[in-house]
N, C-alpha and C. Protein backbone atom coordinates (compact mmCIF):
# COMPACT_ATOMS: atom_id res chain seq x y z
N MET A 1 0.85 -1.21 0.00
CA MET A 1 0.00 0.00 0.00
C MET A 1 0.88 1.25 0.00
N LYS A 2 0.58 2.16 -0.89
CA LYS A 2 1.39 3.37 -1.02
C LYS A 2 1.22 4.25 0.20
N LYS A 3 2.35 4.73 0.74
CA LYS A 3 2.33 5.58 1.92
C LYS A 3 1.65 6.90 1.61
N LYS A 4 0.72 7.30 2.49
CA LYS A 4 -0.01 8.54 2.30
C LYS A 4 0.87 9.74 2.58
N GLN A 5 0.86 10.69 1.68
CA GLN A 5 1.66 11.90 1.84
C GLN A 5 1.02 12.82 2.89
N PRO A 6 1.83 13.46 3.74
CA PRO A 6 1.29 14.36 4.75
C PRO A 6 0.63 15.57 4.12
N GLN A 7 -0.43 16.04 4.77
CA GLN A 7 -1.11 17.24 4.29
C GLN A 7 -0.21 18.45 4.51
N ILE A 8 -0.05 19.27 3.50
CA ILE A 8 0.84 20.43 3.59
C ILE A 8 0.15 21.63 2.96
N SER A 9 0.41 22.80 3.52
CA SER A 9 -0.14 24.05 3.00
C SER A 9 0.76 25.17 3.45
N GLU A 10 0.56 26.35 2.89
CA GLU A 10 1.36 27.51 3.29
C GLU A 10 1.17 27.81 4.77
N ASP A 11 -0.09 27.76 5.22
CA ASP A 11 -0.36 28.05 6.63
C ASP A 11 0.33 27.04 7.54
N LYS A 12 0.32 25.77 7.16
CA LYS A 12 0.97 24.74 7.96
C LYS A 12 2.48 24.95 8.01
N ILE A 13 3.04 25.36 6.89
CA ILE A 13 4.49 25.62 6.85
C ILE A 13 4.84 26.79 7.77
N LEU A 14 4.05 27.84 7.73
CA LEU A 14 4.31 29.00 8.58
C LEU A 14 4.15 28.64 10.06
N GLU A 15 3.10 27.91 10.37
CA GLU A 15 2.86 27.50 11.76
C GLU A 15 4.01 26.65 12.28
N THR A 16 4.47 25.70 11.48
CA THR A 16 5.56 24.83 11.88
C THR A 16 6.88 25.60 11.96
N SER A 17 7.04 26.60 11.13
CA SER A 17 8.25 27.43 11.17
C SER A 17 8.36 28.13 12.52
N TRP A 18 7.24 28.67 13.01
CA TRP A 18 7.25 29.33 14.32
C TRP A 18 7.60 28.34 15.43
N GLU A 19 7.06 27.13 15.33
CA GLU A 19 7.37 26.11 16.33
C GLU A 19 8.87 25.80 16.34
N LEU A 20 9.43 25.64 15.16
CA LEU A 20 10.85 25.31 15.05
C LEU A 20 11.73 26.45 15.53
N LEU A 21 11.35 27.66 15.20
CA LEU A 21 12.11 28.83 15.66
C LEU A 21 12.08 28.93 17.18
N GLY A 22 10.94 28.61 17.77
CA GLY A 22 10.83 28.67 19.21
C GLY A 22 11.67 27.62 19.91
N GLU A 23 11.85 26.49 19.28
CA GLU A 23 12.59 25.39 19.89
C GLU A 23 14.10 25.50 19.69
N GLU A 24 14.51 25.93 18.50
CA GLU A 24 15.93 25.87 18.16
C GLU A 24 16.57 27.21 17.85
N GLY A 25 15.78 28.25 17.71
CA GLY A 25 16.34 29.56 17.39
C GLY A 25 16.59 29.71 15.90
N ILE A 26 16.84 30.93 15.50
CA ILE A 26 16.99 31.20 14.07
C ILE A 26 18.33 30.71 13.54
N GLU A 27 19.32 30.55 14.45
CA GLU A 27 20.65 30.11 14.01
C GLU A 27 20.61 28.70 13.43
N LYS A 28 19.77 27.84 13.98
CA LYS A 28 19.71 26.46 13.53
C LYS A 28 18.58 26.20 12.54
N PHE A 29 17.81 27.23 12.26
CA PHE A 29 16.67 27.05 11.37
C PHE A 29 17.15 26.82 9.93
N SER A 30 16.57 25.84 9.28
CA SER A 30 16.90 25.57 7.88
C SER A 30 15.69 24.95 7.20
N MET A 31 15.66 25.02 5.89
CA MET A 31 14.57 24.43 5.12
C MET A 31 14.56 22.91 5.29
N ARG A 32 15.73 22.33 5.45
CA ARG A 32 15.81 20.87 5.64
C ARG A 32 15.20 20.47 6.98
N ARG A 33 15.55 21.20 8.03
CA ARG A 33 14.97 20.91 9.34
C ARG A 33 13.45 21.10 9.32
N LEU A 34 13.01 22.13 8.63
CA LEU A 34 11.58 22.41 8.52
C LEU A 34 10.88 21.27 7.78
N ALA A 35 11.48 20.82 6.70
CA ALA A 35 10.89 19.73 5.92
C ALA A 35 10.81 18.45 6.76
N ASP A 36 11.87 18.18 7.52
CA ASP A 36 11.87 17.00 8.39
C ASP A 36 10.73 17.06 9.40
N ARG A 37 10.53 18.25 9.97
CA ARG A 37 9.46 18.41 10.96
C ARG A 37 8.08 18.19 10.31
N LEU A 38 7.96 18.62 9.06
CA LEU A 38 6.69 18.48 8.35
C LEU A 38 6.51 17.08 7.77
N GLY A 39 7.59 16.29 7.75
CA GLY A 39 7.51 14.94 7.20
C GLY A 39 7.49 14.90 5.69
N ILE A 40 8.15 15.88 5.07
CA ILE A 40 8.21 15.93 3.60
C ILE A 40 9.66 16.09 3.16
N GLN A 41 9.89 16.03 1.88
CA GLN A 41 11.21 16.28 1.32
C GLN A 41 11.41 17.78 1.18
N ALA A 42 12.64 18.22 1.41
CA ALA A 42 12.94 19.65 1.36
C ALA A 42 12.51 20.33 0.06
N PRO A 43 12.74 19.69 -1.13
CA PRO A 43 12.33 20.35 -2.37
C PRO A 43 10.84 20.67 -2.44
N SER A 44 10.03 19.94 -1.68
CA SER A 44 8.58 20.20 -1.70
C SER A 44 8.25 21.59 -1.15
N LEU A 45 9.11 22.07 -0.22
CA LEU A 45 8.87 23.39 0.36
C LEU A 45 8.96 24.49 -0.69
N TYR A 46 9.79 24.26 -1.70
CA TYR A 46 10.03 25.31 -2.69
C TYR A 46 8.87 25.50 -3.66
N TRP A 47 7.86 24.62 -3.55
CA TRP A 47 6.63 24.85 -4.31
C TRP A 47 5.86 26.00 -3.68
N TYR A 48 6.08 26.23 -2.39
CA TYR A 48 5.35 27.25 -1.65
C TYR A 48 6.19 28.49 -1.40
N PHE A 49 7.48 28.28 -1.13
CA PHE A 49 8.38 29.40 -0.86
C PHE A 49 9.67 29.15 -1.66
N LYS A 50 10.01 30.09 -2.53
CA LYS A 50 11.12 29.87 -3.44
C LYS A 50 12.48 29.90 -2.77
N SER A 51 12.55 30.40 -1.53
CA SER A 51 13.81 30.44 -0.80
C SER A 51 13.52 30.61 0.69
N LYS A 52 14.55 30.41 1.52
CA LYS A 52 14.39 30.65 2.95
C LYS A 52 14.12 32.12 3.21
N GLN A 53 14.74 32.99 2.43
CA GLN A 53 14.50 34.42 2.59
C GLN A 53 13.05 34.76 2.30
N ASN A 54 12.48 34.12 1.28
CA ASN A 54 11.08 34.33 0.95
C ASN A 54 10.17 33.89 2.09
N LEU A 55 10.54 32.79 2.74
CA LEU A 55 9.79 32.32 3.91
C LEU A 55 9.91 33.32 5.06
N TYR A 56 11.12 33.83 5.27
CA TYR A 56 11.33 34.83 6.31
C TYR A 56 10.46 36.07 6.06
N GLN A 57 10.36 36.47 4.81
CA GLN A 57 9.54 37.63 4.46
C GLN A 57 8.09 37.41 4.87
N ARG A 58 7.59 36.20 4.60
CA ARG A 58 6.20 35.90 4.92
C ARG A 58 5.97 35.85 6.43
N LEU A 59 6.94 35.33 7.17
CA LEU A 59 6.84 35.29 8.62
C LEU A 59 6.83 36.70 9.20
N ALA A 60 7.71 37.55 8.68
CA ALA A 60 7.74 38.95 9.13
C ALA A 60 6.44 39.66 8.77
N ASN A 61 5.87 39.31 7.65
CA ASN A 61 4.61 39.90 7.24
C ASN A 61 3.50 39.51 8.22
N GLN A 62 3.53 38.25 8.69
CA GLN A 62 2.56 37.81 9.69
C GLN A 62 2.66 38.63 10.97
N VAL A 63 3.89 38.89 11.40
CA VAL A 63 4.11 39.68 12.61
C VAL A 63 3.55 41.09 12.43
N SER A 64 3.83 41.69 11.30
CA SER A 64 3.33 43.04 11.01
C SER A 64 1.81 43.06 11.01
N LYS A 65 1.20 42.03 10.43
CA LYS A 65 -0.26 41.94 10.39
C LYS A 65 -0.84 41.85 11.79
N MET A 66 -0.20 41.07 12.66
CA MET A 66 -0.68 40.92 14.02
C MET A 66 -0.58 42.24 14.79
N ILE A 67 0.50 42.97 14.59
CA ILE A 67 0.65 44.27 15.25
C ILE A 67 -0.46 45.21 14.82
N LEU A 68 -0.74 45.23 13.52
CA LEU A 68 -1.80 46.10 12.99
C LEU A 68 -3.16 45.73 13.57
N GLU A 69 -3.43 44.44 13.70
CA GLU A 69 -4.72 43.99 14.21
C GLU A 69 -4.92 44.34 15.68
N GLU A 70 -3.83 44.35 16.44
CA GLU A 70 -3.94 44.58 17.88
C GLU A 70 -3.76 46.04 18.28
N PHE A 71 -3.27 46.87 17.36
CA PHE A 71 -3.03 48.28 17.67
C PHE A 71 -4.29 49.09 17.41
N HIS A 72 -4.88 49.62 18.49
CA HIS A 72 -6.11 50.40 18.36
C HIS A 72 -6.01 51.73 19.10
N SER A 73 -4.80 52.17 19.38
CA SER A 73 -4.62 53.39 20.17
C SER A 73 -5.06 54.62 19.39
N GLU A 74 -5.69 55.54 20.10
CA GLU A 74 -6.09 56.82 19.53
C GLU A 74 -5.44 57.93 20.34
N GLY A 75 -5.84 59.15 20.10
CA GLY A 75 -5.28 60.27 20.85
C GLY A 75 -4.24 61.01 20.04
N ASP A 76 -3.40 61.80 20.73
CA ASP A 76 -2.39 62.58 20.04
C ASP A 76 -1.22 61.69 19.62
N TRP A 77 -0.22 62.30 19.01
CA TRP A 77 0.88 61.52 18.44
C TRP A 77 1.64 60.75 19.53
N LYS A 78 1.75 61.33 20.74
CA LYS A 78 2.46 60.65 21.82
C LYS A 78 1.70 59.41 22.27
N GLU A 79 0.40 59.52 22.39
CA GLU A 79 -0.41 58.38 22.81
C GLU A 79 -0.39 57.28 21.75
N GLN A 80 -0.42 57.68 20.51
CA GLN A 80 -0.40 56.70 19.43
C GLN A 80 0.94 55.97 19.36
N LEU A 81 2.04 56.72 19.46
CA LEU A 81 3.36 56.09 19.42
C LEU A 81 3.57 55.17 20.62
N THR A 82 3.04 55.60 21.78
CA THR A 82 3.15 54.76 22.97
C THR A 82 2.39 53.46 22.78
N GLY A 83 1.16 53.57 22.30
CA GLY A 83 0.35 52.38 22.05
C GLY A 83 0.98 51.46 21.03
N LEU A 84 1.56 52.06 20.00
CA LEU A 84 2.21 51.27 18.96
C LEU A 84 3.42 50.52 19.52
N ALA A 85 4.22 51.20 20.31
CA ALA A 85 5.42 50.58 20.88
C ALA A 85 5.04 49.43 21.81
N VAL A 86 4.03 49.64 22.65
CA VAL A 86 3.59 48.61 23.59
C VAL A 86 3.04 47.40 22.83
N THR A 87 2.25 47.65 21.80
CA THR A 87 1.69 46.56 21.00
C THR A 87 2.79 45.79 20.27
N MET A 88 3.71 46.51 19.70
CA MET A 88 4.81 45.88 18.97
C MET A 88 5.64 44.99 19.89
N ARG A 89 5.94 45.51 21.07
CA ARG A 89 6.72 44.72 22.03
C ARG A 89 5.98 43.44 22.41
N SER A 90 4.69 43.56 22.66
CA SER A 90 3.88 42.40 23.05
C SER A 90 3.88 41.33 21.97
N VAL A 91 3.70 41.73 20.73
CA VAL A 91 3.64 40.77 19.62
C VAL A 91 5.01 40.13 19.39
N LEU A 92 6.06 40.93 19.43
CA LEU A 92 7.40 40.39 19.21
C LEU A 92 7.77 39.35 20.26
N TYR A 93 7.32 39.55 21.49
CA TYR A 93 7.60 38.59 22.55
C TYR A 93 6.90 37.25 22.28
N ARG A 94 5.74 37.31 21.64
CA ARG A 94 4.95 36.09 21.44
C ARG A 94 5.43 35.26 20.26
N TYR A 95 6.06 35.89 19.30
CA TYR A 95 6.54 35.17 18.12
C TYR A 95 8.06 34.99 18.22
N PRO A 96 8.52 33.76 18.44
CA PRO A 96 9.96 33.52 18.64
C PRO A 96 10.81 33.96 17.46
N CYS A 97 11.88 34.67 17.77
CA CYS A 97 12.83 35.15 16.76
C CYS A 97 12.22 36.17 15.80
N SER A 98 11.04 36.70 16.14
CA SER A 98 10.40 37.64 15.22
C SER A 98 11.19 38.94 15.08
N THR A 99 11.90 39.34 16.14
CA THR A 99 12.71 40.55 16.05
C THR A 99 13.80 40.38 15.01
N GLN A 100 14.48 39.24 15.05
CA GLN A 100 15.53 38.98 14.06
C GLN A 100 14.95 38.93 12.66
N LEU A 101 13.78 38.32 12.52
CA LEU A 101 13.15 38.23 11.21
C LEU A 101 12.81 39.61 10.66
N MET A 102 12.29 40.48 11.51
CA MET A 102 11.95 41.83 11.07
C MET A 102 13.19 42.58 10.62
N MET A 103 14.32 42.31 11.28
CA MET A 103 15.57 42.98 10.93
C MET A 103 16.18 42.42 9.64
N MET A 104 15.87 41.17 9.35
CA MET A 104 16.50 40.47 8.22
C MET A 104 15.70 40.58 6.93
N THR A 105 14.55 41.22 6.97
CA THR A 105 13.69 41.26 5.79
C THR A 105 13.51 42.68 5.29
N LEU A 106 13.05 42.78 4.06
CA LEU A 106 12.81 44.07 3.42
C LEU A 106 11.32 44.38 3.43
N PRO A 107 10.95 45.65 3.38
CA PRO A 107 9.52 46.02 3.40
C PRO A 107 8.86 45.79 2.05
N HIS A 108 8.88 44.55 1.59
CA HIS A 108 8.33 44.21 0.28
C HIS A 108 7.09 43.32 0.40
N GLU A 109 6.49 43.31 1.59
CA GLU A 109 5.27 42.53 1.81
C GLU A 109 4.14 43.49 2.16
N PRO A 110 2.90 43.15 1.79
CA PRO A 110 1.78 44.10 1.98
C PRO A 110 1.57 44.57 3.41
N ASP A 111 1.61 43.65 4.38
CA ASP A 111 1.35 44.07 5.75
C ASP A 111 2.53 44.79 6.38
N ILE A 112 3.74 44.50 5.93
CA ILE A 112 4.89 45.27 6.39
C ILE A 112 4.78 46.71 5.90
N ILE A 113 4.32 46.88 4.67
CA ILE A 113 4.11 48.22 4.12
C ILE A 113 2.99 48.93 4.87
N ARG A 114 1.90 48.22 5.15
CA ARG A 114 0.78 48.81 5.90
C ARG A 114 1.23 49.21 7.30
N PHE A 115 2.05 48.38 7.91
CA PHE A 115 2.56 48.67 9.25
C PHE A 115 3.41 49.93 9.24
N THR A 116 4.29 50.04 8.26
CA THR A 116 5.14 51.23 8.14
C THR A 116 4.29 52.48 7.93
N ASN A 117 3.29 52.35 7.07
CA ASN A 117 2.40 53.48 6.80
C ASN A 117 1.63 53.90 8.06
N ARG A 118 1.20 52.89 8.85
CA ARG A 118 0.46 53.21 10.08
C ARG A 118 1.34 53.93 11.08
N MET A 119 2.61 53.55 11.16
CA MET A 119 3.54 54.23 12.05
C MET A 119 3.70 55.69 11.64
N LEU A 120 3.83 55.92 10.35
CA LEU A 120 3.99 57.28 9.85
C LEU A 120 2.76 58.13 10.13
N LEU A 121 1.58 57.51 10.08
CA LEU A 121 0.35 58.24 10.36
C LEU A 121 0.32 58.75 11.81
N CYS A 122 1.01 58.06 12.70
CA CYS A 122 1.04 58.48 14.11
C CYS A 122 1.64 59.87 14.27
N VAL A 123 2.58 60.21 13.42
CA VAL A 123 3.27 61.50 13.55
C VAL A 123 2.93 62.46 12.42
N GLU A 124 1.95 62.10 11.61
CA GLU A 124 1.61 62.93 10.46
C GLU A 124 1.10 64.31 10.88
N SER A 125 0.46 64.39 12.05
CA SER A 125 -0.10 65.67 12.51
C SER A 125 0.95 66.60 13.09
N THR A 126 2.16 66.13 13.30
CA THR A 126 3.21 66.97 13.89
C THR A 126 3.81 67.88 12.82
N PRO A 127 4.45 68.98 13.23
CA PRO A 127 5.07 69.90 12.26
C PRO A 127 6.44 69.44 11.78
N LEU A 128 6.82 68.23 12.08
CA LEU A 128 8.12 67.73 11.67
C LEU A 128 8.22 67.62 10.16
N GLU A 129 9.44 67.71 9.65
CA GLU A 129 9.68 67.47 8.24
C GLU A 129 9.48 65.99 7.93
N GLN A 130 9.23 65.68 6.66
CA GLN A 130 8.94 64.29 6.30
C GLN A 130 10.09 63.35 6.68
N GLU A 131 11.32 63.78 6.44
CA GLU A 131 12.45 62.91 6.78
C GLU A 131 12.57 62.75 8.30
N GLN A 132 12.15 63.77 9.06
CA GLN A 132 12.17 63.66 10.51
C GLN A 132 11.12 62.69 11.01
N LYS A 133 9.97 62.69 10.36
CA LYS A 133 8.91 61.75 10.72
C LYS A 133 9.39 60.31 10.50
N MET A 134 10.06 60.09 9.40
CA MET A 134 10.60 58.76 9.13
C MET A 134 11.64 58.38 10.18
N GLN A 135 12.45 59.36 10.59
CA GLN A 135 13.46 59.11 11.60
C GLN A 135 12.83 58.77 12.95
N VAL A 136 11.72 59.42 13.27
CA VAL A 136 11.03 59.14 14.53
C VAL A 136 10.57 57.69 14.58
N VAL A 137 9.87 57.24 13.53
CA VAL A 137 9.34 55.87 13.56
C VAL A 137 10.48 54.85 13.47
N THR A 138 11.54 55.19 12.75
CA THR A 138 12.69 54.28 12.66
C THR A 138 13.35 54.14 14.03
N THR A 139 13.52 55.26 14.72
CA THR A 139 14.11 55.23 16.06
C THR A 139 13.25 54.42 17.02
N LEU A 140 11.94 54.60 16.94
CA LEU A 140 11.02 53.87 17.81
C LEU A 140 11.10 52.37 17.55
N VAL A 141 11.06 51.99 16.28
CA VAL A 141 11.13 50.57 15.93
C VAL A 141 12.46 49.96 16.37
N ASN A 142 13.53 50.70 16.15
CA ASN A 142 14.85 50.20 16.57
C ASN A 142 14.91 50.01 18.09
N TYR A 143 14.33 50.94 18.82
CA TYR A 143 14.33 50.84 20.28
C TYR A 143 13.57 49.60 20.74
N VAL A 144 12.34 49.44 20.25
CA VAL A 144 11.52 48.30 20.67
C VAL A 144 12.19 46.99 20.26
N SER A 145 12.71 46.95 19.03
CA SER A 145 13.34 45.72 18.53
C SER A 145 14.55 45.35 19.36
N TYR A 146 15.39 46.33 19.65
CA TYR A 146 16.60 46.04 20.42
C TYR A 146 16.24 45.64 21.84
N PHE A 147 15.23 46.28 22.42
CA PHE A 147 14.81 45.96 23.79
C PHE A 147 14.38 44.49 23.88
N VAL A 148 13.54 44.06 22.94
CA VAL A 148 13.07 42.68 22.92
C VAL A 148 14.22 41.72 22.64
N LEU A 149 15.06 42.08 21.66
CA LEU A 149 16.17 41.20 21.29
C LEU A 149 17.17 41.05 22.43
N ASP A 150 17.44 42.14 23.14
CA ASP A 150 18.38 42.10 24.25
C ASP A 150 17.85 41.21 25.37
N ASP A 151 16.56 41.31 25.64
CA ASP A 151 15.94 40.47 26.67
C ASP A 151 15.96 39.01 26.26
N TYR A 152 15.68 38.76 25.00
CA TYR A 152 15.70 37.39 24.45
C TYR A 152 17.09 36.78 24.56
N GLN A 153 18.10 37.56 24.19
CA GLN A 153 19.48 37.05 24.24
C GLN A 153 19.94 36.84 25.67
N HIS A 154 19.51 37.73 26.58
CA HIS A 154 19.87 37.58 27.99
C HIS A 154 19.32 36.25 28.54
N GLU A 155 18.07 35.95 28.21
CA GLU A 155 17.46 34.71 28.68
C GLU A 155 18.21 33.50 28.12
N ARG A 156 18.63 33.58 26.87
CA ARG A 156 19.39 32.47 26.27
C ARG A 156 20.74 32.32 26.94
N ASN A 157 21.38 33.44 27.26
CA ASN A 157 22.68 33.38 27.93
C ASN A 157 22.55 32.75 29.32
N VAL A 158 21.51 33.16 30.04
CA VAL A 158 21.27 32.60 31.37
C VAL A 158 21.01 31.10 31.29
N SER A 159 20.20 30.69 30.31
CA SER A 159 19.90 29.27 30.14
C SER A 159 21.15 28.47 29.82
N ALA A 160 22.02 29.05 28.98
CA ALA A 160 23.26 28.37 28.60
C ALA A 160 24.19 28.20 29.80
N ILE A 161 24.28 29.23 30.63
CA ILE A 161 25.14 29.16 31.82
C ILE A 161 24.59 28.14 32.82
N LEU A 162 23.27 28.15 32.99
CA LEU A 162 22.65 27.19 33.91
C LEU A 162 22.86 25.76 33.42
N LYS A 163 22.80 25.57 32.11
CA LYS A 163 23.00 24.24 31.54
C LYS A 163 24.44 23.78 31.71
N ASP A 164 25.39 24.69 31.52
CA ASP A 164 26.81 24.32 31.60
C ASP A 164 27.31 24.22 33.03
N GLN A 165 26.86 25.15 33.88
CA GLN A 165 27.43 25.24 35.23
C GLN A 165 26.46 24.84 36.34
N GLY A 166 25.18 24.77 36.03
CA GLY A 166 24.20 24.40 37.04
C GLY A 166 23.75 25.55 37.92
N ALA A 167 24.41 26.69 37.81
CA ALA A 167 24.05 27.87 38.60
C ALA A 167 24.67 29.10 37.97
N LEU A 168 24.10 30.25 38.26
CA LEU A 168 24.65 31.50 37.76
C LEU A 168 25.92 31.85 38.53
N PRO A 169 26.91 32.41 37.85
CA PRO A 169 28.20 32.70 38.49
C PRO A 169 28.16 33.95 39.36
N GLY A 170 27.21 33.98 40.32
CA GLY A 170 27.07 35.16 41.17
C GLY A 170 28.28 35.42 42.03
N GLU A 171 28.75 34.40 42.72
CA GLU A 171 29.91 34.56 43.59
C GLU A 171 31.17 34.89 42.79
N GLU A 172 31.28 34.29 41.62
CA GLU A 172 32.44 34.57 40.76
C GLU A 172 32.43 36.03 40.31
N MET A 173 31.23 36.55 40.01
CA MET A 173 31.11 37.93 39.57
C MET A 173 31.49 38.88 40.70
N VAL A 174 31.02 38.60 41.90
CA VAL A 174 31.35 39.43 43.05
C VAL A 174 32.86 39.41 43.31
N HIS A 175 33.46 38.23 43.22
CA HIS A 175 34.90 38.10 43.43
C HIS A 175 35.68 38.89 42.37
N LEU A 176 35.21 38.83 41.13
CA LEU A 176 35.87 39.57 40.05
C LEU A 176 35.78 41.07 40.30
N LEU A 177 34.61 41.56 40.65
CA LEU A 177 34.43 42.99 40.89
C LEU A 177 35.25 43.47 42.08
N ASN A 178 35.32 42.63 43.10
CA ASN A 178 36.09 43.01 44.29
C ASN A 178 37.59 43.01 44.03
N SER A 179 38.02 42.29 42.98
CA SER A 179 39.44 42.24 42.66
C SER A 179 39.89 43.44 41.83
N MET A 180 38.92 44.28 41.40
CA MET A 180 39.23 45.43 40.56
C MET A 180 39.11 46.71 41.39
N SER A 181 39.77 47.74 40.92
CA SER A 181 39.84 48.98 41.70
C SER A 181 38.54 49.78 41.62
N GLU A 182 38.40 50.72 42.54
CA GLU A 182 37.23 51.60 42.58
C GLU A 182 37.15 52.44 41.30
N THR A 183 38.29 52.88 40.81
CA THR A 183 38.32 53.68 39.59
C THR A 183 37.80 52.89 38.40
N GLU A 184 38.17 51.62 38.34
CA GLU A 184 37.80 50.78 37.20
C GLU A 184 36.32 50.39 37.21
N VAL A 185 35.79 49.98 38.36
CA VAL A 185 34.45 49.40 38.39
C VAL A 185 33.57 49.90 39.54
N GLY A 186 33.95 51.00 40.18
CA GLY A 186 33.22 51.45 41.36
C GLY A 186 31.73 51.61 41.14
N LEU A 187 31.35 52.37 40.13
CA LEU A 187 29.94 52.62 39.87
C LEU A 187 29.22 51.34 39.44
N PHE A 188 29.88 50.58 38.56
CA PHE A 188 29.30 49.32 38.09
C PHE A 188 29.07 48.38 39.28
N ARG A 189 30.04 48.29 40.17
CA ARG A 189 29.94 47.38 41.32
C ARG A 189 28.76 47.76 42.22
N ARG A 190 28.60 49.06 42.47
CA ARG A 190 27.50 49.50 43.32
C ARG A 190 26.14 49.21 42.68
N MET A 191 26.05 49.42 41.38
CA MET A 191 24.79 49.14 40.68
C MET A 191 24.50 47.64 40.67
N PHE A 192 25.55 46.83 40.49
CA PHE A 192 25.38 45.38 40.49
C PHE A 192 24.96 44.89 41.87
N THR A 193 25.60 45.40 42.89
CA THR A 193 25.30 44.99 44.27
C THR A 193 23.88 45.37 44.66
N ASN A 194 23.41 46.51 44.19
CA ASN A 194 22.07 46.99 44.52
C ASN A 194 20.99 46.36 43.64
N GLY A 195 21.39 45.47 42.73
CA GLY A 195 20.43 44.76 41.90
C GLY A 195 19.82 45.57 40.78
N LEU A 196 20.47 46.68 40.42
CA LEU A 196 19.90 47.54 39.38
C LEU A 196 19.90 46.89 38.00
N PHE A 197 20.84 45.99 37.75
CA PHE A 197 20.88 45.33 36.45
C PHE A 197 19.73 44.35 36.27
N GLU A 198 19.09 43.98 37.38
CA GLU A 198 17.94 43.10 37.30
C GLU A 198 16.71 43.82 36.74
N LEU A 199 16.78 45.14 36.68
CA LEU A 199 15.67 45.92 36.12
C LEU A 199 15.65 45.88 34.60
N MET A 200 16.76 45.44 33.99
CA MET A 200 16.83 45.38 32.53
C MET A 200 15.79 44.40 32.00
N GLY A 201 15.06 44.84 30.99
CA GLY A 201 14.04 43.99 30.39
C GLY A 201 12.67 44.10 31.03
N THR A 202 12.55 44.89 32.11
CA THR A 202 11.27 45.02 32.81
C THR A 202 10.37 46.05 32.12
N ASP A 203 9.09 46.03 32.51
CA ASP A 203 8.15 47.02 31.96
C ASP A 203 8.59 48.43 32.31
N GLY A 204 9.09 48.61 33.53
CA GLY A 204 9.52 49.94 33.96
C GLY A 204 10.67 50.46 33.12
N ALA A 205 11.62 49.59 32.82
CA ALA A 205 12.75 49.99 31.99
C ALA A 205 12.29 50.34 30.58
N PHE A 206 11.35 49.55 30.05
CA PHE A 206 10.83 49.81 28.71
C PHE A 206 10.11 51.16 28.66
N GLU A 207 9.28 51.40 29.64
CA GLU A 207 8.51 52.65 29.67
C GLU A 207 9.41 53.87 29.82
N PHE A 208 10.48 53.74 30.61
CA PHE A 208 11.39 54.87 30.78
C PHE A 208 12.13 55.19 29.49
N GLY A 209 12.60 54.15 28.80
CA GLY A 209 13.28 54.38 27.52
C GLY A 209 12.36 55.00 26.49
N LEU A 210 11.11 54.53 26.47
CA LEU A 210 10.12 55.09 25.55
C LEU A 210 9.85 56.55 25.87
N LYS A 211 9.81 56.87 27.17
CA LYS A 211 9.59 58.25 27.60
C LYS A 211 10.72 59.15 27.11
N LEU A 212 11.95 58.67 27.17
CA LEU A 212 13.08 59.46 26.69
C LEU A 212 12.94 59.79 25.21
N ILE A 213 12.50 58.82 24.42
CA ILE A 213 12.33 59.04 22.98
C ILE A 213 11.25 60.08 22.73
N LEU A 214 10.11 59.92 23.38
CA LEU A 214 8.99 60.83 23.16
C LEU A 214 9.31 62.26 23.61
N LEU A 215 10.02 62.38 24.73
CA LEU A 215 10.42 63.71 25.19
C LEU A 215 11.39 64.36 24.21
N GLY A 216 12.24 63.53 23.61
CA GLY A 216 13.17 64.05 22.61
C GLY A 216 12.44 64.57 21.39
N VAL A 217 11.44 63.83 20.93
CA VAL A 217 10.64 64.26 19.78
C VAL A 217 9.88 65.54 20.13
N GLN A 218 9.32 65.57 21.33
CA GLN A 218 8.59 66.75 21.78
C GLN A 218 9.48 67.99 21.82
N GLN A 219 10.72 67.82 22.23
CA GLN A 219 11.65 68.93 22.29
C GLN A 219 11.98 69.45 20.89
N VAL A 220 12.16 68.53 19.94
CA VAL A 220 12.43 68.94 18.56
C VAL A 220 11.25 69.73 18.00
N ILE A 221 10.03 69.27 18.27
CA ILE A 221 8.83 69.97 17.80
C ILE A 221 8.76 71.36 18.43
N LYS A 222 9.06 71.44 19.72
CA LYS A 222 9.02 72.72 20.42
C LYS A 222 10.02 73.70 19.82
N GLU A 223 11.21 73.21 19.52
CA GLU A 223 12.24 74.07 18.94
C GLU A 223 11.83 74.57 17.56
N GLN A 224 11.21 73.69 16.78
CA GLN A 224 10.76 74.10 15.43
C GLN A 224 9.65 75.13 15.50
N GLU A 225 8.72 74.91 16.43
CA GLU A 225 7.61 75.86 16.54
C GLU A 225 8.06 77.23 17.02
N SER A 226 9.08 77.26 17.92
CA SER A 226 9.57 78.53 18.44
C SER A 226 10.38 79.31 17.40
N SER A 227 10.88 78.59 16.39
CA SER A 227 11.69 79.25 15.36
C SER A 227 10.85 79.75 14.20
N MET A 228 9.56 79.45 14.20
CA MET A 228 8.68 79.88 13.11
C MET A 228 8.29 81.36 13.26
């Protein structure tokens, strides 16, 4: 009896891609591994996606679509940018390696284009120049992306250390800092001892960084208006 071929579709490929990315990370992701997970031959994937980059584009497009669907903030430009940043961070956290995918792809997909356009609409009412508006949304996206990526990488580093050593090198870190002079590491040592580095990746840290960006934009607008 001829073996039945597994059911395959674009949606199934995308769904399985997210599963694989969540388990192994983007570094180990390959079309061959994806095909193995789906129970098909690798060449069969190319009927749906002509390359791994093409698959990445579609995954990034999915992320952009989800951000658009969940972003409903209204109000002035500050409220809209805040809502957009919060929504983007939430979605990126839920889709494994989505930050890397967004960085590795070009805005050549419909929902990525819609997402970019929606970001620009947030600042369209401001008196900023067009290139400044683009810089605002680019800065915001870079901030959110790096914040999520940094937190993701920190968790992976912690997991790797726990796997190799069975515990975090807390005592080793304290010993290292104590072996260095006050001039070299004084401020760092005090911040480490007071647990301030544990605030990295928290909601409070995210909100403070976002506040800095918005205040900077507000200052630029104020300067432009006063010079008119």
